[in-house]
Protein backbone atom coordinates (compact mmCIF):
# COMPACT_ATOMS: atom_id res chain seq x y z
CA MET A 1 -23.42 -10.50 30.85
CA TYR A 2 -21.39 -9.55 27.78
CA SER A 3 -21.92 -9.54 24.03
CA LYS A 4 -21.52 -12.93 22.39
CA LYS A 5 -19.42 -11.43 19.56
CA ASP A 6 -15.81 -12.64 19.83
CA ASN A 7 -14.22 -9.53 18.34
CA ILE A 8 -16.09 -7.30 20.78
CA GLY A 9 -15.10 -9.50 23.73
CA THR A 10 -11.43 -9.46 22.75
CA LEU A 11 -11.46 -5.68 22.28
CA THR A 12 -13.10 -5.11 25.67
CA ALA A 13 -10.71 -7.43 27.50
CA LEU A 14 -7.64 -5.85 25.91
CA LEU A 15 -8.75 -2.27 26.58
CA ALA A 16 -8.84 -3.24 30.25
CA GLY A 17 -5.65 -5.28 29.95
CA HIS A 18 -3.75 -2.30 28.51
CA GLY A 19 -4.88 -0.02 31.30
CA ILE A 20 -7.40 2.02 29.32
CA ARG A 21 -9.89 3.36 31.87
CA HIS A 22 -12.06 5.98 30.12
CA VAL A 23 -14.35 5.44 27.11
CA VAL A 24 -16.58 8.14 25.62
CA VAL A 25 -19.68 6.47 24.11
CA CYS A 26 -22.03 7.94 21.50
CA PRO A 27 -25.58 6.84 20.58
CA GLY A 28 -26.36 4.31 17.84
CA SER A 29 -27.66 0.81 17.22
CA ARG A 30 -24.70 -0.76 15.40
CA ASN A 31 -22.32 0.23 18.20
CA ALA A 32 -24.79 -0.77 20.95
CA PRO A 33 -23.03 -4.14 21.60
CA LEU A 34 -19.76 -2.23 22.08
CA VAL A 35 -21.34 0.34 24.37
CA HIS A 36 -23.00 -2.44 26.37
CA ASN A 37 -19.71 -4.30 26.87
CA PHE A 38 -17.80 -1.18 27.88
CA SER A 39 -20.55 -0.20 30.31
CA VAL A 40 -20.72 -3.54 32.14
CA CYS A 41 -16.94 -3.99 32.32
CA GLU A 42 -15.90 -2.92 35.81
CA ASP A 43 -12.44 -1.83 34.61
CA LEU A 44 -13.85 0.76 32.19
CA GLN A 45 -15.64 4.04 32.95
CA CYS A 46 -18.06 5.21 30.26
CA HIS A 47 -18.91 8.85 29.51
CA PRO A 48 -22.06 9.29 27.31
CA VAL A 49 -21.80 12.20 24.84
CA THR A 50 -24.44 12.59 22.13
CA ASP A 51 -22.59 14.74 19.55
CA GLU A 52 -19.64 12.89 18.00
CA ARG A 53 -17.84 16.17 17.25
CA CYS A 54 -17.88 16.97 20.95
CA ALA A 55 -17.17 13.37 21.96
CA GLY A 56 -13.78 13.33 20.26
CA PHE A 57 -12.63 16.48 22.03
CA PHE A 58 -14.11 15.19 25.31
CA ALA A 59 -11.84 12.13 24.92
CA LEU A 60 -8.89 14.45 24.30
CA GLY A 61 -9.70 16.28 27.55
CA LEU A 62 -9.76 12.98 29.44
CA THR A 63 -6.39 12.08 27.91
CA LEU A 64 -4.84 15.39 28.90
CA ALA A 65 -6.17 15.18 32.47
CA THR A 66 -5.16 11.58 33.16
CA GLY A 67 -2.00 11.25 31.09
CA GLU A 68 -3.46 8.05 29.64
CA PRO A 69 -5.13 7.61 26.22
CA ALA A 70 -8.94 7.66 26.33
CA ALA A 71 -11.22 5.92 23.81
CA VAL A 72 -14.27 7.19 21.95
CA CYS A 73 -16.85 4.82 20.46
CA VAL A 74 -19.21 5.74 17.60
CA THR A 75 -21.74 3.94 15.43
CA SER A 76 -21.32 3.14 11.73
CA GLY A 77 -21.46 5.57 8.83
CA SER A 78 -20.76 9.29 8.85
CA ALA A 79 -20.60 9.38 12.66
CA LEU A 80 -16.95 8.34 12.29
CA LEU A 81 -16.11 11.34 10.10
CA ASN A 82 -17.29 13.75 12.80
CA LEU A 83 -14.28 12.70 14.89
CA ALA A 84 -11.73 13.95 12.34
CA PRO A 85 -11.07 17.40 13.90
CA ALA A 86 -10.51 15.95 17.37
CA VAL A 87 -8.34 13.12 16.06
CA ALA A 88 -6.16 15.58 14.13
CA GLU A 89 -5.80 17.81 17.18
CA ALA A 90 -4.98 14.91 19.50
CA THR A 91 -2.34 13.47 17.16
CA LEU A 92 -0.66 16.81 16.52
CA GLN A 93 -0.60 17.45 20.28
CA HIS A 94 0.97 14.00 20.73
CA GLN A 95 -1.92 13.12 23.03
CA GLY A 96 -3.49 10.42 20.87
CA ILE A 97 -6.98 9.03 21.45
CA ILE A 98 -8.39 5.60 20.57
CA VAL A 99 -11.21 5.72 18.01
CA ILE A 100 -13.53 2.70 18.07
CA SER A 101 -16.10 2.57 15.27
CA ALA A 102 -18.83 0.03 14.75
CA ASP A 103 -19.18 -1.01 11.12
CA ARG A 104 -21.50 -2.98 8.87
CA PRO A 105 -20.30 -6.32 7.45
CA ALA A 106 -17.98 -5.81 4.47
CA ALA A 107 -20.44 -7.55 2.11
CA TRP A 108 -22.88 -4.64 2.51
CA ILE A 109 -20.48 -1.77 1.85
CA GLY A 110 -21.48 0.00 -1.37
CA GLN A 111 -24.80 -1.88 -1.64
CA GLN A 112 -27.07 1.06 -0.74
CA ASP A 113 -27.59 -0.30 2.76
CA GLY A 114 -28.14 2.23 5.54
CA GLN A 115 -25.21 3.88 7.34
CA THR A 116 -22.57 2.09 5.31
CA MET A 117 -19.37 3.52 3.87
CA PRO A 118 -15.71 2.45 3.61
CA GLN A 119 -14.49 3.04 7.18
CA GLN A 120 -11.01 1.49 7.15
CA ASP A 121 -8.45 4.35 6.99
CA ALA A 122 -11.22 6.95 6.97
CA LEU A 123 -9.24 9.07 9.45
CA ARG A 124 -5.89 8.94 7.69
CA PRO A 125 -3.47 10.73 7.82
CA PHE A 126 -4.20 11.60 11.45
CA THR A 127 -4.13 8.02 12.76
CA ALA A 128 -0.89 6.05 12.93
CA CYS A 129 -2.67 2.69 12.97
CA SER A 130 -6.02 1.62 11.52
CA VAL A 131 -7.23 -1.97 11.99
CA THR A 132 -10.47 -3.78 11.25
CA LEU A 133 -11.41 -6.69 13.54
CA PRO A 134 -12.99 -9.53 11.55
CA GLU A 135 -15.86 -11.56 12.94
CA THR A 136 -14.39 -15.03 13.40
CA GLU A 137 -14.64 -17.99 15.74
CA ASP A 138 -11.67 -20.20 14.82
CA ALA A 139 -8.35 -20.20 16.72
CA GLU A 140 -6.32 -18.44 14.04
CA GLY A 141 -9.00 -15.78 13.65
CA ARG A 142 -9.04 -15.11 17.40
CA TRP A 143 -5.23 -14.82 17.39
CA TYR A 144 -5.48 -12.37 14.50
CA VAL A 145 -8.00 -10.16 16.29
CA ASN A 146 -5.89 -10.26 19.46
CA ARG A 147 -2.83 -9.20 17.48
CA LEU A 148 -4.62 -6.34 15.70
CA VAL A 149 -5.98 -4.87 18.92
CA ASN A 150 -2.59 -5.19 20.62
CA GLU A 151 -0.87 -3.45 17.72
CA ALA A 152 -3.27 -0.51 17.89
CA LEU A 153 -3.08 -0.15 21.67
CA MET A 154 0.71 -0.40 21.64
CA LYS A 155 0.94 2.24 18.92
CA VAL A 156 -1.11 4.80 20.88
CA ARG A 157 1.44 4.47 23.71
CA SER A 158 4.49 4.80 21.45
CA GLU A 159 6.78 7.79 21.86
CA ALA A 160 4.93 10.00 19.34
CA ARG A 161 1.59 9.28 21.13
CA PRO A 162 -0.52 9.23 17.92
CA SER A 163 -4.23 8.48 17.63
CA VAL A 164 -5.34 5.04 16.43
CA HIS A 165 -8.51 3.66 14.84
CA ILE A 166 -10.11 0.30 15.63
CA ASN A 167 -12.96 -0.57 13.24
CA VAL A 168 -15.35 -3.32 14.34
CA PRO A 169 -17.73 -4.92 11.80
CA ILE A 170 -20.78 -6.31 13.58
CA SER A 171 -23.34 -8.54 11.89
CA GLU A 172 -26.90 -9.18 13.07
CA PRO A 173 -28.19 -10.30 15.50
CA LEU A 174 -26.67 -7.42 17.44
CA PHE A 175 -28.09 -7.85 20.91
CA ASP A 176 -27.12 -11.30 22.17
CA PHE A 177 -25.65 -10.59 25.62
CA SER A 178 -25.23 -14.19 26.76
CA ARG A 179 -21.50 -14.41 27.51
CA GLU A 180 -20.90 -14.66 31.25
CA LYS A 181 -17.37 -13.29 31.30
CA LEU A 182 -14.78 -11.71 29.08
CA PRO A 183 -12.16 -13.94 27.42
CA GLU A 184 -8.67 -14.12 28.89
CA GLU A 185 -6.59 -12.22 26.38
CA ARG A 186 -2.85 -11.82 25.97
CA ALA A 187 -1.81 -8.18 26.24
CA ILE A 188 1.45 -7.31 24.45
CA ARG A 189 3.35 -4.57 26.30
CA TYR A 190 5.31 -1.87 24.50
CA VAL A 191 8.46 -0.75 26.31
CA PRO A 192 9.73 2.57 24.88
CA SER A 193 13.40 3.43 24.47
CA VAL A 194 13.39 6.25 27.02
CA CYS A 195 15.94 4.54 29.26
CA GLN A 196 18.10 1.92 27.54
CA GLU A 197 20.04 1.13 30.70
CA ALA A 198 16.90 0.30 32.66
CA MET A 199 15.63 -1.81 29.77
CA LEU A 200 18.86 -3.79 29.60
CA THR A 201 18.81 -4.40 33.35
CA ARG A 202 15.23 -5.61 33.14
CA ILE A 203 15.89 -8.02 30.26
CA VAL A 204 19.01 -9.44 31.92
CA GLY A 205 17.00 -10.02 35.08
CA ARG A 206 14.34 -11.88 33.12
CA LEU A 207 16.97 -14.02 31.40
CA THR A 208 18.74 -15.05 34.59
CA ALA A 209 15.43 -15.79 36.34
CA SER A 210 13.93 -17.95 33.59
CA GLY A 211 16.13 -21.04 34.03
CA ARG A 212 15.75 -22.01 30.35
CA PRO A 213 16.30 -18.87 28.25
CA MET A 214 16.85 -18.68 24.50
CA ILE A 215 17.77 -15.95 22.00
CA VAL A 216 16.49 -16.35 18.42
CA LEU A 217 17.91 -14.11 15.69
CA GLY A 218 16.14 -13.53 12.39
CA GLN A 219 17.78 -11.93 9.37
CA LEU A 220 20.40 -9.36 10.39
CA ASP A 221 22.49 -7.36 7.96
CA GLY A 222 25.31 -4.95 8.67
CA MET A 223 26.33 -6.53 11.97
CA PRO A 224 30.03 -5.88 12.80
CA ALA A 225 32.53 -8.69 13.30
CA ASP A 226 32.65 -8.17 17.08
CA PHE A 227 28.87 -8.84 17.22
CA GLN A 228 29.43 -12.28 15.70
CA THR A 229 32.30 -12.92 18.12
CA SER A 230 30.12 -11.97 21.08
CA VAL A 231 27.33 -14.26 19.87
CA GLU A 232 29.79 -17.12 19.54
CA ARG A 233 31.00 -16.69 23.13
CA LEU A 234 27.50 -16.19 24.48
CA SER A 235 26.17 -19.35 22.83
CA ARG A 236 28.30 -21.40 25.25
CA GLN A 237 26.10 -20.21 28.11
CA LEU A 238 22.62 -20.21 26.57
CA PRO A 239 21.12 -21.23 23.22
CA VAL A 240 21.55 -18.43 20.68
CA TRP A 241 19.81 -19.62 17.53
CA GLY A 242 20.06 -18.16 14.06
CA GLU A 243 20.34 -19.09 10.40
CA SER A 244 22.95 -18.14 7.84
CA LEU A 245 21.12 -14.83 7.31
CA SER A 246 21.98 -13.78 10.85
CA LEU A 247 24.95 -15.75 12.20
CA ALA A 248 28.46 -16.59 11.08
CA ARG A 249 27.87 -19.96 12.77
CA PRO A 250 24.35 -20.83 11.61
CA ILE A 251 22.33 -23.72 13.00
CA PRO A 252 20.75 -26.26 10.59
CA PHE A 253 17.32 -26.13 12.23
CA ASP A 254 15.48 -28.41 9.85
CA LYS A 255 17.83 -31.28 10.68
CA MET A 256 18.36 -30.43 14.34
CA LEU A 257 14.64 -30.23 15.14
CA ALA A 258 14.00 -33.46 13.23
CA LEU A 259 16.33 -35.15 15.73
CA ALA A 260 14.93 -33.47 18.86
CA ASP A 261 12.59 -35.08 21.37
CA GLU A 262 9.20 -33.63 22.22
CA LYS A 263 9.92 -33.39 25.95
CA ASP A 264 8.68 -30.23 27.64
CA ASP A 265 11.81 -30.29 29.84
CA TYR A 266 13.81 -28.98 26.90
CA ARG A 267 11.44 -26.25 25.77
CA PRO A 268 12.59 -22.71 26.54
CA GLN A 269 10.82 -20.78 29.26
CA LEU A 270 11.78 -17.40 27.77
CA VAL A 271 12.56 -16.52 24.14
CA ILE A 272 14.03 -13.19 23.11
CA TYR A 273 13.57 -12.63 19.39
CA ALA A 274 15.24 -9.99 17.22
CA GLY A 275 15.89 -9.39 13.54
CA GLY A 276 13.90 -10.03 10.40
CA THR A 277 12.40 -13.08 8.76
CA LEU A 278 13.27 -16.68 9.63
CA VAL A 279 13.48 -19.16 6.77
CA SER A 280 13.02 -22.43 8.68
CA LYS A 281 9.39 -23.51 8.85
CA ALA A 282 10.42 -26.24 11.30
CA LEU A 283 11.78 -23.65 13.73
CA LYS A 284 8.71 -21.42 13.47
CA THR A 285 6.42 -24.42 14.00
CA TYR A 286 8.43 -25.58 17.03
CA LEU A 287 8.34 -22.18 18.72
CA ARG A 288 4.64 -21.68 17.95
CA GLU A 289 3.96 -24.90 19.84
CA CYS A 290 5.69 -23.54 22.97
CA GLY A 291 2.44 -22.29 24.43
CA ASP A 292 3.69 -21.69 27.98
CA THR A 293 6.84 -19.87 26.85
CA GLU A 294 7.21 -16.12 27.31
CA PHE A 295 8.25 -14.30 24.13
CA ILE A 296 9.92 -10.87 24.06
CA GLU A 297 10.83 -9.03 20.85
CA LEU A 298 13.58 -6.44 20.45
CA SER A 299 12.38 -4.15 17.67
CA PRO A 300 13.99 -0.78 16.89
CA GLY A 301 11.06 1.59 16.51
CA GLY A 302 8.81 -0.67 18.57
CA GLU A 303 6.96 -2.38 15.70
CA PRO A 304 5.55 -5.73 16.93
CA HIS A 305 5.98 -8.97 14.97
CA ASP A 306 4.01 -11.81 16.56
CA THR A 307 5.86 -14.46 14.52
CA PHE A 308 5.39 -17.21 17.11
CA ARG A 309 1.88 -16.19 18.27
CA HIS A 310 2.90 -15.84 21.91
CA LEU A 311 4.49 -12.37 22.01
CA THR A 312 4.16 -10.66 25.42
CA GLU A 313 6.48 -7.62 25.25
CA VAL A 314 8.16 -5.46 22.62
CA TYR A 315 11.25 -3.45 23.55
CA ASP A 316 12.28 -0.51 21.39
CA MET A 317 15.92 -1.62 21.32
CA ASP A 318 18.70 -2.70 18.98
CA VAL A 319 19.77 -6.30 19.64
CA ARG A 320 23.45 -5.29 19.51
CA LYS A 321 23.09 -3.49 22.83
CA LEU A 322 21.73 -6.61 24.51
CA ILE A 323 24.32 -8.97 23.03
CA ASP A 324 27.12 -6.65 24.11
CA ARG A 325 25.77 -6.47 27.67
CA LEU A 326 25.24 -10.23 27.91
CA ASP A 327 28.69 -10.97 26.53
CA ARG A 328 30.34 -8.74 29.12
CA LEU A 329 28.28 -10.26 31.93
CA ALA A 330 29.12 -13.77 30.76
CA SER A 331 32.83 -12.92 30.84
CA GLN A 332 32.55 -11.47 34.35
CA GLN A 333 30.22 -14.02 35.92
CA GLY A 334 31.52 -17.25 34.44
CA ALA A 335 29.78 -20.35 33.15
CA GLN A 336 26.05 -21.01 33.61
CA TYR A 337 25.23 -17.44 34.63
CA PHE A 338 22.22 -17.23 32.32
CA SER A 339 20.89 -20.78 32.46
CA SER A 340 20.38 -22.59 35.74
CA ASP A 341 19.23 -25.73 33.88
CA ARG A 342 22.48 -27.39 32.78
CA GLU A 343 20.65 -30.32 31.17
CA TYR A 344 18.66 -27.91 28.97
CA LEU A 345 21.80 -26.25 27.62
CA SER A 346 23.68 -29.51 27.09
CA TYR A 347 20.66 -31.10 25.39
CA TRP A 348 20.43 -28.48 22.67
CA SER A 349 24.21 -28.42 22.24
CA GLU A 350 24.09 -32.17 21.71
CA GLN A 351 21.29 -31.94 19.11
CA GLU A 352 23.20 -29.29 17.20
CA GLU A 353 26.35 -31.45 17.22
CA ARG A 354 24.37 -34.50 16.06
CA ALA A 355 22.84 -32.52 13.19
CA GLU A 356 26.22 -31.14 12.17
CA ASN A 357 27.81 -34.60 12.28
CA ILE A 358 25.11 -36.08 10.05
CA ILE A 359 25.31 -33.24 7.52
CA ARG A 360 29.10 -33.10 7.47
CA ASN A 361 30.16 -36.71 7.92
CA LYS A 362 27.30 -39.17 7.38
CA PHE A 363 25.27 -37.68 4.56
CA ARG A 364 26.59 -38.70 1.14
CA PRO A 365 24.30 -37.08 -1.41
CA GLY A 366 24.00 -38.40 -4.90
CA TYR A 367 24.20 -36.02 -7.82
CA SER A 368 21.54 -33.44 -6.96
CA GLN A 369 21.00 -29.86 -5.89
CA ALA A 370 22.05 -30.87 -2.38
CA MET A 371 25.38 -32.11 -3.73
CA ALA A 372 25.85 -28.93 -5.76
CA VAL A 373 25.25 -26.54 -2.85
CA ARG A 374 27.29 -28.64 -0.44
CA MET A 375 30.18 -28.78 -2.91
CA LEU A 376 30.03 -25.02 -3.50
CA GLU A 377 30.07 -24.42 0.25
CA ASP A 378 33.12 -26.67 0.53
CA PHE A 379 34.85 -24.30 -1.90
CA ARG A 380 33.48 -21.08 -0.42
CA THR A 381 34.22 -19.73 3.05
CA GLY A 382 32.76 -16.23 2.59
CA GLU A 383 29.29 -14.82 2.06
CA VAL A 384 27.00 -16.15 -0.67
CA HIS A 385 23.88 -14.52 -2.12
CA TYR A 386 21.07 -17.07 -2.09
CA ALA A 387 17.83 -16.71 -4.01
CA ASN A 388 14.57 -17.57 -2.28
CA SER A 389 12.77 -20.92 -2.12
CA ASN A 390 14.91 -24.09 -2.22
CA ALA A 391 18.17 -22.20 -2.74
CA ILE A 392 18.21 -20.46 0.65
CA ARG A 393 16.94 -23.60 2.40
CA LEU A 394 19.86 -25.55 1.00
CA GLY A 395 22.18 -22.70 1.94
CA ASN A 396 21.00 -22.79 5.54
CA LEU A 397 21.68 -26.52 5.73
CA PHE A 398 25.17 -26.56 4.22
CA SER A 399 26.79 -23.17 4.75
CA ARG A 400 28.79 -22.30 7.85
CA HIS A 401 29.04 -18.55 7.38
CA LYS A 402 26.85 -15.48 7.00
CA ASN A 403 24.82 -15.17 3.79
CA HIS A 404 22.49 -12.75 2.00
CA CYS A 405 18.94 -13.25 0.73
CA ASN A 406 15.93 -11.05 -0.08
CA ARG A 407 13.75 -12.26 2.81
CA GLY A 408 11.81 -9.06 3.39
CA ILE A 409 8.95 -10.38 1.25
CA ASN A 410 10.60 -13.68 0.26
CA GLY A 411 9.78 -13.33 -3.44
CA ILE A 412 11.78 -14.86 -6.27
CA ASP A 413 11.99 -11.61 -8.23
CA GLY A 414 15.15 -9.51 -8.13
CA CYS A 415 17.46 -12.02 -6.44
CA ILE A 416 20.05 -11.88 -9.24
CA SER A 417 19.74 -8.10 -9.62
CA THR A 418 20.39 -7.60 -5.90
CA ALA A 419 23.52 -9.74 -6.06
CA ALA A 420 24.64 -7.87 -9.21
CA GLY A 421 24.25 -4.52 -7.46
CA TYR A 422 26.20 -5.82 -4.49
CA ALA A 423 28.96 -7.04 -6.80
CA ALA A 424 29.12 -3.70 -8.60
CA ALA A 425 29.59 -1.90 -5.28
CA SER A 426 32.00 -4.35 -3.68
CA GLY A 427 34.32 -4.63 -6.68
CA LYS A 428 34.97 -8.26 -5.72
CA PRO A 429 33.70 -11.58 -7.03
CA GLU A 430 30.24 -12.21 -5.53
CA TYR A 431 28.70 -15.66 -5.57
CA CYS A 432 25.00 -16.27 -6.08
CA VAL A 433 23.01 -19.53 -5.88
CA THR A 434 19.60 -19.50 -7.54
CA GLY A 435 16.88 -21.83 -8.72
CA ASP A 436 15.79 -21.90 -12.33
CA LEU A 437 12.53 -19.94 -12.03
CA SER A 438 14.24 -17.21 -10.01
CA PHE A 439 17.03 -16.97 -12.59
CA PHE A 440 14.84 -16.80 -15.68
CA TYR A 441 12.47 -14.37 -13.99
CA ASP A 442 15.39 -11.99 -13.25
CA SER A 443 17.73 -12.76 -16.14
CA ASN A 444 17.71 -9.12 -17.25
CA ALA A 445 20.06 -8.54 -14.31
CA LEU A 446 22.82 -9.69 -16.66
CA TRP A 447 21.78 -7.06 -19.20
CA GLN A 448 22.35 -4.10 -16.89
CA PRO A 449 25.69 -2.27 -17.01
CA GLY A 450 28.29 -2.99 -14.38
CA PRO A 451 27.09 -6.29 -12.82
CA GLY A 452 30.58 -6.73 -11.41
CA ARG A 453 32.36 -10.05 -11.19
CA LEU A 454 29.20 -11.99 -10.48
CA ARG A 455 29.44 -15.78 -10.18
CA ILE A 456 26.12 -17.64 -10.44
CA MET A 457 25.36 -21.27 -9.73
CA LEU A 458 22.00 -21.94 -11.40
CA LEU A 459 20.16 -24.98 -10.07
CA ASN A 460 17.96 -26.13 -12.95
CA ASN A 461 15.64 -29.07 -12.29
CA GLY A 462 12.98 -28.01 -14.76
CA GLY A 463 10.62 -26.05 -12.51
CA GLY A 464 9.80 -25.10 -8.95
CA GLY A 465 11.14 -28.15 -7.16
CA ILE A 466 9.84 -27.05 -3.77
CA PHE A 467 6.27 -27.66 -4.93
CA ARG A 468 6.97 -31.38 -5.18
CA SER A 469 7.38 -31.55 -1.40
CA LEU A 470 3.99 -29.99 -0.62
CA LYS A 471 1.73 -32.77 0.60
CA GLY A 472 -1.56 -33.00 -1.27
CA LEU A 473 -0.53 -30.85 -4.22
CA GLU A 474 0.44 -33.94 -6.19
CA THR A 475 -3.26 -34.79 -6.57
CA SER A 476 -3.81 -31.76 -8.81
CA PRO A 477 -3.46 -32.44 -12.55
CA VAL A 478 -1.83 -29.02 -13.00
CA ALA A 479 0.64 -29.33 -10.09
CA LEU A 480 3.74 -29.60 -12.28
CA THR A 481 2.63 -27.40 -15.16
CA SER A 482 0.64 -24.40 -13.94
CA VAL A 483 1.79 -24.47 -10.29
CA ALA A 484 5.43 -25.60 -10.42
CA GLY A 485 6.14 -23.99 -13.79
CA ARG A 486 7.64 -27.07 -15.44
CA HIS A 487 9.91 -26.18 -18.37
CA GLN A 488 12.79 -27.35 -20.56
CA THR A 489 14.66 -24.04 -20.74
CA SER A 490 18.40 -23.55 -20.56
CA ALA A 491 20.36 -20.43 -19.67
CA GLU A 492 22.92 -20.96 -22.42
CA GLY A 493 21.27 -18.62 -24.91
CA ILE A 494 20.73 -15.91 -22.29
CA CYS A 495 24.40 -16.05 -21.29
CA LYS A 496 25.45 -15.78 -24.92
CA SER A 497 23.22 -12.73 -25.43
CA TYR A 498 24.70 -10.98 -22.40
CA HIS A 499 28.32 -12.07 -23.05
CA ALA A 500 28.49 -14.10 -19.83
CA VAL A 501 30.71 -17.16 -19.53
CA TYR A 502 28.44 -20.22 -19.62
CA LEU A 503 29.35 -23.44 -17.81
CA LYS A 504 27.30 -26.61 -17.59
CA ALA A 505 27.09 -29.55 -15.17
CA THR A 506 25.15 -32.77 -15.69
CA ASP A 507 26.96 -35.10 -13.29
CA GLU A 508 29.40 -35.03 -10.37
CA GLU A 509 32.51 -34.82 -12.52
CA SER A 510 31.29 -31.90 -14.64
CA LEU A 511 30.01 -30.21 -11.45
CA ARG A 512 33.51 -30.27 -9.95
CA GLU A 513 35.03 -28.99 -13.17
CA GLY A 514 32.42 -26.22 -13.38
CA LEU A 515 33.04 -25.11 -9.81
CA ASP A 516 36.80 -25.02 -10.43
CA ARG A 517 36.17 -22.67 -13.34
CA LEU A 518 33.58 -20.64 -11.44
CA PHE A 519 36.08 -19.93 -8.68
CA GLU A 520 38.90 -18.85 -10.98
CA GLU A 521 39.83 -15.29 -10.00
CA SER A 522 41.42 -14.22 -13.28
CA GLU A 523 38.27 -13.58 -15.34
CA ASP A 524 36.28 -10.35 -14.91
CA SER A 525 33.15 -11.31 -16.85
CA VAL A 526 29.98 -12.74 -15.33
CA LYS A 527 29.99 -16.54 -15.10
CA VAL A 528 27.01 -18.86 -14.89
CA LEU A 529 27.32 -22.53 -13.94
CA GLU A 530 24.04 -24.23 -14.85
CA VAL A 531 23.59 -27.43 -12.83
CA PHE A 532 20.98 -29.72 -14.39
CA THR A 533 19.40 -32.15 -11.91
CA ASP A 534 16.43 -34.47 -11.73
CA PRO A 535 13.68 -33.11 -9.41
CA GLU A 536 12.81 -36.54 -8.05
CA GLU A 537 16.46 -37.18 -7.18
CA ASP A 538 16.64 -33.76 -5.50
CA LEU A 539 13.63 -34.63 -3.35
CA ARG A 540 14.94 -38.10 -2.53
CA ASN A 541 18.26 -36.74 -1.31
CA MET A 542 16.62 -34.17 0.95
CA ARG A 543 14.27 -36.77 2.44
CA GLN A 544 17.24 -39.03 3.08
CA LEU A 545 19.10 -36.27 4.90
CA LEU A 546 16.14 -35.31 7.11
CA SER A 547 15.43 -38.95 8.05
CA MET A 548 19.01 -39.89 9.01
CA THR A 549 19.82 -40.42 12.71
């Protein structure tokens, strides 16, 4: 029988799942549920050692003898600090050990309760990963604990072989051993970059065997032109999905997935994910619901990102290597080499074509932000710098080329400054689309020297328009004021102060005239086209687009 605590059960199951076999256990009451679980788990061998200073070095000896990381488990309080010499030695030998410390609930830290101290990061800088496993019983909490343990156990097996620290708060009652078996936990495997050729062969084999494979690309910058060409060719043989922050031929996911059926026959069996953040919430939601799908991430450096909550393996590999290999194989092997399910491939091609047809040919927006971005994209065939929030979402729907956006954190600050810096370096006109809050927040970008030939389309609907689409928020009396930042501010005075050319649009005719002027190549000064729209009309147009069939 095992401890009833969920975080302890997940930790025990994943230690076994990751092939950890030896655990050094030290005396204590707070860590007793951990010691009990490790002792009754048939896949783990426990070694009792009373002195924590010795226990850490004992674990190092086990690691050296077996070639596999050993764990050491201590109780709460200063017991953890006694492991510092051994942890430092293990890390600097590149023979990392796994430190597991019991802890008191966070509410009691600093409250003069016995054996309590801040334990998170107590062994820095000699641990490469320090996680604390919350006590939780809901589904998202269990996923979070699973992810934290996987991250730590993957890190200890990374190429530098550092030590890691797993801190486990345990509340009373401590000694309920009523769980009959350990939970079935997903172990995420780390595949190091020691042999790129073997890794590529393995991934290709998995792709060809899956029947319904898919490649999903998050934000990618600095990709050469031949990468985009290879992706374009490869997408004829299997779905290669990406937004305008990754692909020269982006897919309008929000519209495409609104059209798609819910049939399991069209869900991918294997997803390979690479790159940074995805913008589309619809795409992330869809992939998170693919519970039986296998997910592999390609991550240079091996850092895991469990974006879709079903990650199973992380390869320390640059996606360009895989795309190049797959493109060459596709050219050699001919059609349908990667996907044996022809209906699956044709189905998603059809949904993409339907979405494109609606956006390009059927959708006739009224005067709104949607019209403004679509009209700009009709003018522009090269890259555009989009600010976060509604701006990049509109860009992903209407652009058919690669774009830029600060999606590392996804904040609204600095979007104009980033585009200004890019313009100063490129020496060419650079186009930026931003919402009003993002612009006013970063308007000092126009004050800095050398902003280059920056061209800005400012979408001003009097506040954060995206907040109007959040269901339930409308019931708050401060939704439009304190949350959405409603205002009546114009950029005209700012442009005058910074000697920028100011243009204004209030209807379709003035929008066309403003864009004509914005795209004139003769002027070197910064230009700002402020497009005033009604937020309710903006929302109506977007709802119309997403509901069209």
